[in-house]
Amino acid sequence: MFERRSAPRTRLNETGSISVDEHRSIPCIVYDRSAGGVRVALPDAEIVPDSFILSIDASNEILVCRAMWRKADEIGAATDAREAARPGRLNLRREVEPI
């Protein structure tokens, strides 16, 4: 079988959640992950927007994702490694202009 992935995947089988909007998140299972993508399973994949935020519980990672394919209960998504962040490492300082 021909492999179309640009990077090998690592099986995770970890819990996570997908932020649908500011007020709602959906629990999911992160089946596997590569340097540029992730595969998640959830009951209603069709309600997840094309771009979403994925939180992986075990590693405390937050990933910005873009859906590349869907099934009824799975989503394959591309992640932008430059935008991946751990909550403890976020730079929340704002640049303040001198008065």
PDB file of N, CA and C in Angstrom:
ATOM      1  N   MET A   1       0.834  -1.173   0.000  1.00  0.00           N
ATOM      2  CA  MET A   1       0.000   0.000   0.000  1.00  0.00           C
ATOM      3  C   MET A   1       0.886   1.247   0.000  1.00  0.00           C
ATOM      4  N   PHE A   2       0.522   2.240  -0.781  1.00  0.00           N
ATOM      5  CA  PHE A   2       1.283   3.475  -0.914  1.00  0.00           C
ATOM      6  C   PHE A   2       1.000   4.409   0.266  1.00  0.00           C
ATOM      7  N   GLU A   3       2.045   4.898   0.907  1.00  0.00           N
ATOM      8  CA  GLU A   3       1.925   5.798   2.056  1.00  0.00           C
ATOM      9  C   GLU A   3       1.912   7.245   1.563  1.00  0.00           C
ATOM     10  N   ARG A   4       0.830   7.985   1.860  1.00  0.00           N
ATOM     11  CA  ARG A   4       0.696   9.365   1.408  1.00  0.00           C
ATOM     12  C   ARG A   4       1.125  10.377   2.462  1.00  0.00           C
ATOM     13  N   ARG A   5       1.360   9.955   3.661  1.00  0.00           N
ATOM     14  CA  ARG A   5       1.721  10.878   4.734  1.00  0.00           C
ATOM     15  C   ARG A   5       3.144  11.385   4.548  1.00  0.00           C
ATOM     16  N   SER A   6       3.353  12.653   4.889  1.00  0.00           N
ATOM     17  CA  SER A   6       4.692  13.229   4.773  1.00  0.00           C
ATOM     18  C   SER A   6       5.543  12.932   6.001  1.00  0.00           C
ATOM     19  N   ALA A   7       4.927  12.514   7.105  1.00  0.00           N
ATOM     20  CA  ALA A   7       5.662  12.183   8.329  1.00  0.00           C
ATOM     21  C   ALA A   7       5.005  10.965   8.975  1.00  0.00           C
ATOM     22  N   PRO A   8       5.797  10.118   9.632  1.00  0.00           N
ATOM     23  CA  PRO A   8       5.215   8.935  10.285  1.00  0.00           C
ATOM     24  C   PRO A   8       4.303   9.328  11.450  1.00  0.00           C
ATOM     25  N   ARG A   9       3.298   8.512  11.681  1.00  0.00           N
ATOM     26  CA  ARG A   9       2.355   8.762  12.775  1.00  0.00           C
ATOM     27  C   ARG A   9       2.733   7.939  14.001  1.00  0.00           C
ATOM     28  N   THR A  10       2.425   8.509  15.163  1.00  0.00           N
ATOM     29  CA  THR A  10       2.622   7.827  16.437  1.00  0.00           C
ATOM     30  C   THR A  10       1.254   7.574  17.046  1.00  0.00           C
ATOM     31  N   ARG A  11       0.981   6.350  17.427  1.00  0.00           N
ATOM     32  CA  ARG A  11      -0.302   6.043  18.075  1.00  0.00           C
ATOM     33  C   ARG A  11      -0.317   6.630  19.472  1.00  0.00           C
ATOM     34  N   LEU A  12      -1.432   7.302  19.808  1.00  0.00           N
ATOM     35  CA  LEU A  12      -1.547   7.925  21.120  1.00  0.00           C
ATOM     36  C   LEU A  12      -2.662   7.318  21.955  1.00  0.00           C
ATOM     37  N   ASN A  13      -3.872   7.303  21.421  1.00  0.00           N
ATOM     38  CA  ASN A  13      -5.052   6.832  22.149  1.00  0.00           C
ATOM     39  C   ASN A  13      -5.251   7.618  23.448  1.00  0.00           C
ATOM     40  N   GLU A  14      -5.185   8.945  23.356  1.00  0.00           N
ATOM     41  CA  GLU A  14      -5.306   9.850  24.505  1.00  0.00           C
ATOM     42  C   GLU A  14      -6.622  10.613  24.444  1.00  0.00           C
ATOM     43  N   THR A  15      -7.120  11.020  25.605  1.00  0.00           N
ATOM     44  CA  THR A  15      -8.325  11.841  25.635  1.00  0.00           C
ATOM     45  C   THR A  15      -7.967  13.287  25.328  1.00  0.00           C
ATOM     46  N   GLY A  16      -8.952  13.995  24.814  1.00  0.00           N
ATOM     47  CA  GLY A  16      -8.766  15.403  24.499  1.00  0.00           C
ATOM     48  C   GLY A  16     -10.117  16.072  24.334  1.00  0.00           C
ATOM     49  N   SER A  17     -10.086  17.315  23.890  1.00  0.00           N
ATOM     50  CA  SER A  17     -11.336  18.015  23.607  1.00  0.00           C
ATOM     51  C   SER A  17     -11.126  18.989  22.462  1.00  0.00           C
ATOM     52  N   ILE A  18     -12.190  19.179  21.701  1.00  0.00           N
ATOM     53  CA  ILE A  18     -12.193  20.092  20.566  1.00  0.00           C
ATOM     54  C   ILE A  18     -13.080  21.273  20.927  1.00  0.00           C
ATOM     55  N   SER A  19     -12.519  22.462  20.827  1.00  0.00           N
ATOM     56  CA  SER A  19     -13.303  23.678  21.085  1.00  0.00           C
ATOM     57  C   SER A  19     -14.101  24.011  19.828  1.00  0.00           C
ATOM     58  N   VAL A  20     -15.411  23.982  19.963  1.00  0.00           N
ATOM     59  CA  VAL A  20     -16.294  24.284  18.840  1.00  0.00           C
ATOM     60  C   VAL A  20     -16.495  25.792  18.739  1.00  0.00           C
ATOM     61  N   ASP A  21     -16.642  26.441  19.868  1.00  0.00           N
ATOM     62  CA  ASP A  21     -16.729  27.903  19.940  1.00  0.00           C
ATOM     63  C   ASP A  21     -16.278  28.315  21.339  1.00  0.00           C
ATOM     64  N   GLU A  22     -16.461  29.571  21.698  1.00  0.00           N
ATOM     65  CA  GLU A  22     -15.985  30.059  22.995  1.00  0.00           C
ATOM     66  C   GLU A  22     -16.660  29.376  24.179  1.00  0.00           C
ATOM     67  N   HIS A  23     -17.832  28.798  23.953  1.00  0.00           N
ATOM     68  CA  HIS A  23     -18.627  28.271  25.058  1.00  0.00           C
ATOM     69  C   HIS A  23     -18.775  26.759  25.071  1.00  0.00           C
ATOM     70  N   ARG A  24     -18.335  26.079  24.016  1.00  0.00           N
ATOM     71  CA  ARG A  24     -18.593  24.648  23.895  1.00  0.00           C
ATOM     72  C   ARG A  24     -17.353  23.881  23.479  1.00  0.00           C
ATOM     73  N   SER A  25     -17.149  22.749  24.115  1.00  0.00           N
ATOM     74  CA  SER A  25     -16.098  21.841  23.667  1.00  0.00           C
ATOM     75  C   SER A  25     -16.664  20.419  23.647  1.00  0.00           C
ATOM     76  N   ILE A  26     -16.067  19.590  22.802  1.00  0.00           N
ATOM     77  CA  ILE A  26     -16.534  18.225  22.608  1.00  0.00           C
ATOM     78  C   ILE A  26     -15.404  17.279  22.993  1.00  0.00           C
ATOM     79  N   PRO A  27     -15.673  16.307  23.863  1.00  0.00           N
ATOM     80  CA  PRO A  27     -14.626  15.335  24.183  1.00  0.00           C
ATOM     81  C   PRO A  27     -14.300  14.462  22.973  1.00  0.00           C
ATOM     82  N   CYS A  28     -13.049  14.063  22.870  1.00  0.00           N
ATOM     83  CA  CYS A  28     -12.625  13.229  21.749  1.00  0.00           C
ATOM     84  C   CYS A  28     -11.489  12.315  22.188  1.00  0.00           C
ATOM     85  N   ILE A  29     -11.126  11.395  21.307  1.00  0.00           N
ATOM     86  CA  ILE A  29      -9.974  10.525  21.498  1.00  0.00           C
ATOM     87  C   ILE A  29      -8.980  10.862  20.391  1.00  0.00           C
ATOM     88  N   VAL A  30      -7.746  11.153  20.768  1.00  0.00           N
ATOM     89  CA  VAL A  30      -6.690  11.415  19.794  1.00  0.00           C
ATOM     90  C   VAL A  30      -6.020  10.073  19.523  1.00  0.00           C
ATOM     91  N   TYR A  31      -6.329   9.501  18.344  1.00  0.00           N
ATOM     92  CA  TYR A  31      -5.814   8.171  18.004  1.00  0.00           C
ATOM     93  C   TYR A  31      -4.336   8.195  17.658  1.00  0.00           C
ATOM     94  N   ASP A  32      -3.960   9.131  16.793  1.00  0.00           N
ATOM     95  CA  ASP A  32      -2.560   9.200  16.417  1.00  0.00           C
ATOM     96  C   ASP A  32      -2.190  10.611  16.002  1.00  0.00           C
ATOM     97  N   ARG A  33      -0.862  10.809  15.910  1.00  0.00           N
ATOM     98  CA  ARG A  33      -0.349  12.152  15.630  1.00  0.00           C
ATOM     99  C   ARG A  33       0.965  12.052  14.874  1.00  0.00           C
ATOM    100  N   SER A  34       1.204  13.018  14.002  1.00  0.00           N
ATOM    101  CA  SER A  34       2.486  13.131  13.315  1.00  0.00           C
ATOM    102  C   SER A  34       2.977  14.563  13.501  1.00  0.00           C
ATOM    103  N   ALA A  35       4.098  14.878  12.887  1.00  0.00           N
ATOM    104  CA  ALA A  35       4.645  16.229  13.003  1.00  0.00           C
ATOM    105  C   ALA A  35       3.681  17.278  12.448  1.00  0.00           C
ATOM    106  N   GLY A  36       2.873  16.912  11.474  1.00  0.00           N
ATOM    107  CA  GLY A  36       1.983  17.902  10.864  1.00  0.00           C
ATOM    108  C   GLY A  36       0.520  17.557  10.871  1.00  0.00           C
ATOM    109  N   GLY A  37       0.126  16.520  11.635  1.00  0.00           N
ATOM    110  CA  GLY A  37      -1.275  16.139  11.609  1.00  0.00           C
ATOM    111  C   GLY A  37      -1.703  15.315  12.797  1.00  0.00           C
ATOM    112  N   VAL A  38      -3.011  15.091  12.853  1.00  0.00           N
ATOM    113  CA  VAL A  38      -3.602  14.360  13.960  1.00  0.00           C
ATOM    114  C   VAL A  38      -4.880  13.682  13.464  1.00  0.00           C
ATOM    115  N   ARG A  39      -5.223  12.541  14.074  1.00  0.00           N
ATOM    116  CA  ARG A  39      -6.492  11.863  13.773  1.00  0.00           C
ATOM    117  C   ARG A  39      -7.249  11.736  15.076  1.00  0.00           C
ATOM    118  N   VAL A  40      -8.478  12.266  15.092  1.00  0.00           N
ATOM    119  CA  VAL A  40      -9.297  12.233  16.301  1.00  0.00           C
ATOM    120  C   VAL A  40     -10.616  11.532  16.014  1.00  0.00           C
ATOM    121  N   ALA A  41     -11.168  10.927  17.067  1.00  0.00           N
ATOM    122  CA  ALA A  41     -12.466  10.266  16.970  1.00  0.00           C
ATOM    123  C   ALA A  41     -13.419  10.939  17.940  1.00  0.00           C
ATOM    124  N   LEU A  42     -14.642  11.139  17.486  1.00  0.00           N
ATOM    125  CA  LEU A  42     -15.687  11.733  18.307  1.00  0.00           C
ATOM    126  C   LEU A  42     -17.031  11.356  17.713  1.00  0.00           C
ATOM    127  N   PRO A  43     -18.095  11.401  18.500  1.00  0.00           N
ATOM    128  CA  PRO A  43     -19.391  10.917  18.018  1.00  0.00           C
ATOM    129  C   PRO A  43     -19.974  11.701  16.841  1.00  0.00           C
ATOM    130  N   ASP A  44     -19.845  13.014  16.816  1.00  0.00           N
ATOM    131  CA  ASP A  44     -20.479  13.834  15.778  1.00  0.00           C
ATOM    132  C   ASP A  44     -19.459  14.711  15.075  1.00  0.00           C
ATOM    133  N   ALA A  45     -18.645  14.117  14.215  1.00  0.00           N
ATOM    134  CA  ALA A  45     -17.581  14.862  13.537  1.00  0.00           C
ATOM    135  C   ALA A  45     -18.122  15.977  12.650  1.00  0.00           C
ATOM    136  N   GLU A  46     -19.349  15.839  12.179  1.00  0.00           N
ATOM    137  CA  GLU A  46     -19.885  16.849  11.252  1.00  0.00           C
ATOM    138  C   GLU A  46     -20.162  18.193  11.919  1.00  0.00           C
ATOM    139  N   ILE A  47     -20.258  18.252  13.246  1.00  0.00           N
ATOM    140  CA  ILE A  47     -20.530  19.539  13.896  1.00  0.00           C
ATOM    141  C   ILE A  47     -19.255  20.336  14.193  1.00  0.00           C
ATOM    142  N   VAL A  48     -18.094  19.723  13.962  1.00  0.00           N
ATOM    143  CA  VAL A  48     -16.826  20.416  14.199  1.00  0.00           C
ATOM    144  C   VAL A  48     -16.514  21.306  12.994  1.00  0.00           C
ATOM    145  N   PRO A  49     -16.166  22.576  13.221  1.00  0.00           N
ATOM    146  CA  PRO A  49     -15.842  23.468  12.099  1.00  0.00           C
ATOM    147  C   PRO A  49     -14.552  23.031  11.394  1.00  0.00           C
ATOM    148  N   ASP A  50     -14.306  23.577  10.218  1.00  0.00           N
ATOM    149  CA  ASP A  50     -13.109  23.224   9.450  1.00  0.00           C
ATOM    150  C   ASP A  50     -11.823  23.587  10.180  1.00  0.00           C
ATOM    151  N   SER A  51     -11.827  24.684  10.910  1.00  0.00           N
ATOM    152  CA  SER A  51     -10.679  25.066  11.742  1.00  0.00           C
ATOM    153  C   SER A  51     -11.112  24.984  13.201  1.00  0.00           C
ATOM    154  N   PHE A  52     -10.275  24.373  14.029  1.00  0.00           N
ATOM    155  CA  PHE A  52     -10.659  24.186  15.428  1.00  0.00           C
ATOM    156  C   PHE A  52      -9.425  24.102  16.308  1.00  0.00           C
ATOM    157  N   ILE A  53      -9.651  24.184  17.602  1.00  0.00           N
ATOM    158  CA  ILE A  53      -8.589  24.066  18.601  1.00  0.00           C
ATOM    159  C   ILE A  53      -8.733  22.702  19.278  1.00  0.00           C
ATOM    160  N   LEU A  54      -7.644  21.943  19.312  1.00  0.00           N
ATOM    161  CA  LEU A  54      -7.616  20.632  19.946  1.00  0.00           C
ATOM    162  C   LEU A  54      -6.742  20.709  21.186  1.00  0.00           C
ATOM    163  N   SER A  55      -7.270  20.274  22.319  1.00  0.00           N
ATOM    164  CA  SER A  55      -6.510  20.171  23.562  1.00  0.00           C
ATOM    165  C   SER A  55      -6.279  18.691  23.846  1.00  0.00           C
ATOM    166  N   ILE A  56      -5.017  18.309  24.039  1.00  0.00           N
ATOM    167  CA  ILE A  56      -4.675  16.931  24.369  1.00  0.00           C
ATOM    168  C   ILE A  56      -4.399  16.878  25.863  1.00  0.00           C
ATOM    169  N   ASP A  57      -5.207  16.118  26.596  1.00  0.00           N
ATOM    170  CA  ASP A  57      -5.147  16.106  28.057  1.00  0.00           C
ATOM    171  C   ASP A  57      -3.801  15.644  28.616  1.00  0.00           C
ATOM    172  N   ALA A  58      -3.282  14.526  28.142  1.00  0.00           N
ATOM    173  CA  ALA A  58      -2.079  13.932  28.735  1.00  0.00           C
ATOM    174  C   ALA A  58      -0.854  14.829  28.631  1.00  0.00           C
ATOM    175  N   SER A  59      -0.726  15.542  27.518  1.00  0.00           N
ATOM    176  CA  SER A  59       0.466  16.375  27.310  1.00  0.00           C
ATOM    177  C   SER A  59       0.198  17.858  27.550  1.00  0.00           C
ATOM    178  N   ASN A  60      -1.049  18.209  27.862  1.00  0.00           N
ATOM    179  CA  ASN A  60      -1.438  19.613  28.057  1.00  0.00           C
ATOM    180  C   ASN A  60      -1.145  20.470  26.834  1.00  0.00           C
ATOM    181  N   GLU A  61      -1.169  19.868  25.659  1.00  0.00           N
ATOM    182  CA  GLU A  61      -0.909  20.615  24.428  1.00  0.00           C
ATOM    183  C   GLU A  61      -2.196  21.199  23.878  1.00  0.00           C
ATOM    184  N   ILE A  62      -2.052  22.331  23.236  1.00  0.00           N
ATOM    185  CA  ILE A  62      -3.154  22.981  22.540  1.00  0.00           C
ATOM    186  C   ILE A  62      -2.703  23.167  21.106  1.00  0.00           C
ATOM    187  N   LEU A  63      -3.457  22.569  20.157  1.00  0.00           N
ATOM    188  CA  LEU A  63      -3.084  22.603  18.752  1.00  0.00           C
ATOM    189  C   LEU A  63      -4.132  23.322  17.918  1.00  0.00           C
ATOM    190  N   VAL A  64      -3.687  24.159  17.018  1.00  0.00           N
ATOM    191  CA  VAL A  64      -4.568  24.778  16.036  1.00  0.00           C
ATOM    192  C   VAL A  64      -4.653  23.801  14.869  1.00  0.00           C
ATOM    193  N   CYS A  65      -5.863  23.370  14.529  1.00  0.00           N
ATOM    194  CA  CYS A  65      -6.050  22.322  13.525  1.00  0.00           C
ATOM    195  C   CYS A  65      -6.938  22.790  12.370  1.00  0.00           C
ATOM    196  N   ARG A  66      -6.722  22.153  11.213  1.00  0.00           N
ATOM    197  CA  ARG A  66      -7.542  22.390  10.025  1.00  0.00           C
ATOM    198  C   ARG A  66      -7.955  21.023   9.478  1.00  0.00           C
ATOM    199  N   ALA A  67      -9.252  20.755   9.434  1.00  0.00           N
ATOM    200  CA  ALA A  67      -9.754  19.456   8.975  1.00  0.00           C
ATOM    201  C   ALA A  67      -9.369  19.224   7.520  1.00  0.00           C
ATOM    202  N   MET A  68      -8.802  18.048   7.264  1.00  0.00           N
ATOM    203  CA  MET A  68      -8.413  17.671   5.909  1.00  0.00           C
ATOM    204  C   MET A  68      -9.359  16.619   5.333  1.00  0.00           C
ATOM    205  N   TRP A  69      -9.903  15.767   6.195  1.00  0.00           N
ATOM    206  CA  TRP A  69     -10.893  14.768   5.794  1.00  0.00           C
ATOM    207  C   TRP A  69     -11.773  14.446   6.989  1.00  0.00           C
ATOM    208  N   ARG A  70     -12.942  13.881   6.690  1.00  0.00           N
ATOM    209  CA  ARG A  70     -13.910  13.525   7.739  1.00  0.00           C
ATOM    210  C   ARG A  70     -14.600  12.221   7.406  1.00  0.00           C
ATOM    211  N   LYS A  71     -14.950  11.521   8.456  1.00  0.00           N
ATOM    212  CA  LYS A  71     -15.874  10.393   8.399  1.00  0.00           C
ATOM    213  C   LYS A  71     -16.950  10.736   9.414  1.00  0.00           C
ATOM    214  N   ALA A  72     -17.931   9.891   9.591  1.00  0.00           N
ATOM    215  CA  ALA A  72     -19.017  10.173  10.530  1.00  0.00           C
ATOM    216  C   ALA A  72     -18.502  10.361  11.950  1.00  0.00           C
ATOM    217  N   ASP A  73     -17.447   9.611  12.313  1.00  0.00           N
ATOM    218  CA  ASP A  73     -16.956   9.666  13.689  1.00  0.00           C
ATOM    219  C   ASP A  73     -15.452   9.918  13.809  1.00  0.00           C
ATOM    220  N   GLU A  74     -14.806  10.413  12.747  1.00  0.00           N
ATOM    221  CA  GLU A  74     -13.372  10.705  12.772  1.00  0.00           C
ATOM    222  C   GLU A  74     -13.052  11.939  11.950  1.00  0.00           C
ATOM    223  N   ILE A  75     -11.974  12.607  12.337  1.00  0.00           N
ATOM    224  CA  ILE A  75     -11.464  13.748  11.579  1.00  0.00           C
ATOM    225  C   ILE A  75      -9.958  13.596  11.466  1.00  0.00           C
ATOM    226  N   GLY A  76      -9.445  13.785  10.264  1.00  0.00           N
ATOM    227  CA  GLY A  76      -8.005  13.885  10.053  1.00  0.00           C
ATOM    228  C   GLY A  76      -7.704  15.362   9.852  1.00  0.00           C
ATOM    229  N   ALA A  77      -6.782  15.900  10.619  1.00  0.00           N
ATOM    230  CA  ALA A  77      -6.532  17.335  10.567  1.00  0.00           C
ATOM    231  C   ALA A  77      -5.049  17.642  10.476  1.00  0.00           C
ATOM    232  N   ALA A  78      -4.743  18.721   9.784  1.00  0.00           N
ATOM    233  CA  ALA A  78      -3.376  19.243   9.733  1.00  0.00           C
ATOM    234  C   ALA A  78      -3.198  20.178  10.916  1.00  0.00           C
ATOM    235  N   THR A  79      -1.997  20.157  11.484  1.00  0.00           N
ATOM    236  CA  THR A  79      -1.681  21.060  12.593  1.00  0.00           C
ATOM    237  C   THR A  79      -0.541  21.959  12.160  1.00  0.00           C
ATOM    238  N   ASP A  80      -0.525  23.151  12.693  1.00  0.00           N
ATOM    239  CA  ASP A  80       0.562  24.080  12.421  1.00  0.00           C
ATOM    240  C   ASP A  80       1.494  24.038  13.612  1.00  0.00           C
ATOM    241  N   ALA A  81       2.639  23.393  13.455  1.00  0.00           N
ATOM    242  CA  ALA A  81       3.573  23.219  14.576  1.00  0.00           C
ATOM    243  C   ALA A  81       4.011  24.564  15.154  1.00  0.00           C
ATOM    244  N   ARG A  82       4.056  25.601  14.337  1.00  0.00           N
ATOM    245  CA  ARG A  82       4.467  26.909  14.844  1.00  0.00           C
ATOM    246  C   ARG A  82       3.450  27.473  15.816  1.00  0.00           C
ATOM    247  N   GLU A  83       2.178  27.053  15.689  1.00  0.00           N
ATOM    248  CA  GLU A  83       1.133  27.577  16.564  1.00  0.00           C
ATOM    249  C   GLU A  83       0.846  26.671  17.740  1.00  0.00           C
ATOM    250  N   ALA A  84       1.462  25.484  17.785  1.00  0.00           N
ATOM    251  CA  ALA A  84       1.243  24.577  18.912  1.00  0.00           C
ATOM    252  C   ALA A  84       1.910  25.168  20.141  1.00  0.00           C
ATOM    253  N   ALA A  85       1.228  25.062  21.259  1.00  0.00           N
ATOM    254  CA  ALA A  85       1.794  25.644  22.481  1.00  0.00           C
ATOM    255  C   ALA A  85       1.349  24.850  23.690  1.00  0.00           C
ATOM    256  N   ARG A  86       2.150  24.881  24.707  1.00  0.00           N
ATOM    257  CA  ARG A  86       1.779  24.332  25.999  1.00  0.00           C
ATOM    258  C   ARG A  86       1.306  25.507  26.836  1.00  0.00           C
ATOM    259  N   PRO A  87       0.219  25.347  27.594  1.00  0.00           N
ATOM    260  CA  PRO A  87      -0.305  26.469  28.366  1.00  0.00           C
ATOM    261  C   PRO A  87       0.740  27.133  29.257  1.00  0.00           C
ATOM    262  N   GLY A  88       1.653  26.398  29.839  1.00  0.00           N
ATOM    263  CA  GLY A  88       2.663  26.985  30.702  1.00  0.00           C
ATOM    264  C   GLY A  88       3.700  27.797  29.948  1.00  0.00           C
ATOM    265  N   ARG A  89       3.748  27.647  28.639  1.00  0.00           N
ATOM    266  CA  ARG A  89       4.755  28.330  27.843  1.00  0.00           C
ATOM    267  C   ARG A  89       4.200  29.490  27.024  1.00  0.00           C
ATOM    268  N   LEU A  90       2.942  29.745  27.150  1.00  0.00           N
ATOM    269  CA  LEU A  90       2.376  30.845  26.382  1.00  0.00           C
ATOM    270  C   LEU A  90       2.952  32.168  26.853  1.00  0.00           C
ATOM    271  N   ASN A  91       3.263  33.022  25.915  1.00  0.00           N
ATOM    272  CA  ASN A  91       3.768  34.336  26.258  1.00  0.00           C
ATOM    273  C   ASN A  91       2.569  35.276  26.318  1.00  0.00           C
ATOM    274  N   LEU A  92       2.142  35.582  27.519  1.00  0.00           N
ATOM    275  CA  LEU A  92       0.951  36.415  27.699  1.00  0.00           C
ATOM    276  C   LEU A  92       1.296  37.871  27.968  1.00  0.00           C
ATOM    277  N   ARG A  93       2.578  38.214  27.918  1.00  0.00           N
ATOM    278  CA  ARG A  93       2.974  39.597  28.144  1.00  0.00           C
ATOM    279  C   ARG A  93       2.552  40.453  26.962  1.00  0.00           C
ATOM    280  N   ARG A  94       2.026  41.587  27.267  1.00  0.00           N
ATOM    281  CA  ARG A  94       1.658  42.524  26.218  1.00  0.00           C
ATOM    282  C   ARG A  94       2.699  43.607  26.161  1.00  0.00           C
ATOM    283  N   GLU A  95       3.000  44.032  24.957  1.00  0.00           N
ATOM    284  CA  GLU A  95       3.922  45.136  24.791  1.00  0.00           C
ATOM    285  C   GLU A  95       3.153  46.412  25.096  1.00  0.00           C
ATOM    286  N   VAL A  96       3.680  47.197  26.008  1.00  0.00           N
ATOM    287  CA  VAL A  96       3.028  48.436  26.406  1.00  0.00           C
ATOM    288  C   VAL A  96       3.876  49.598  25.931  1.00  0.00           C
ATOM    289  N   GLU A  97       3.228  50.517  25.239  1.00  0.00           N
ATOM    290  CA  GLU A  97       3.951  51.686  24.758  1.00  0.00           C
ATOM    291  C   GLU A  97       4.160  52.657  25.896  1.00  0.00           C
ATOM    292  N   PRO A  98       5.354  53.267  25.983  1.00  0.00           N
ATOM    293  CA  PRO A  98       5.594  54.229  27.050  1.00  0.00           C
ATOM    294  C   PRO A  98       4.692  55.438  26.895  1.00  0.00           C
ATOM    295  N   ILE A  99       4.331  56.036  28.018  1.00  0.00           N
ATOM    296  CA  ILE A  99       3.441  57.199  27.997  1.00  0.00           C
ATOM    297  C   ILE A  99       4.250  58.456  27.853  1.00  0.00           C
TER     298      ILE A  99
END
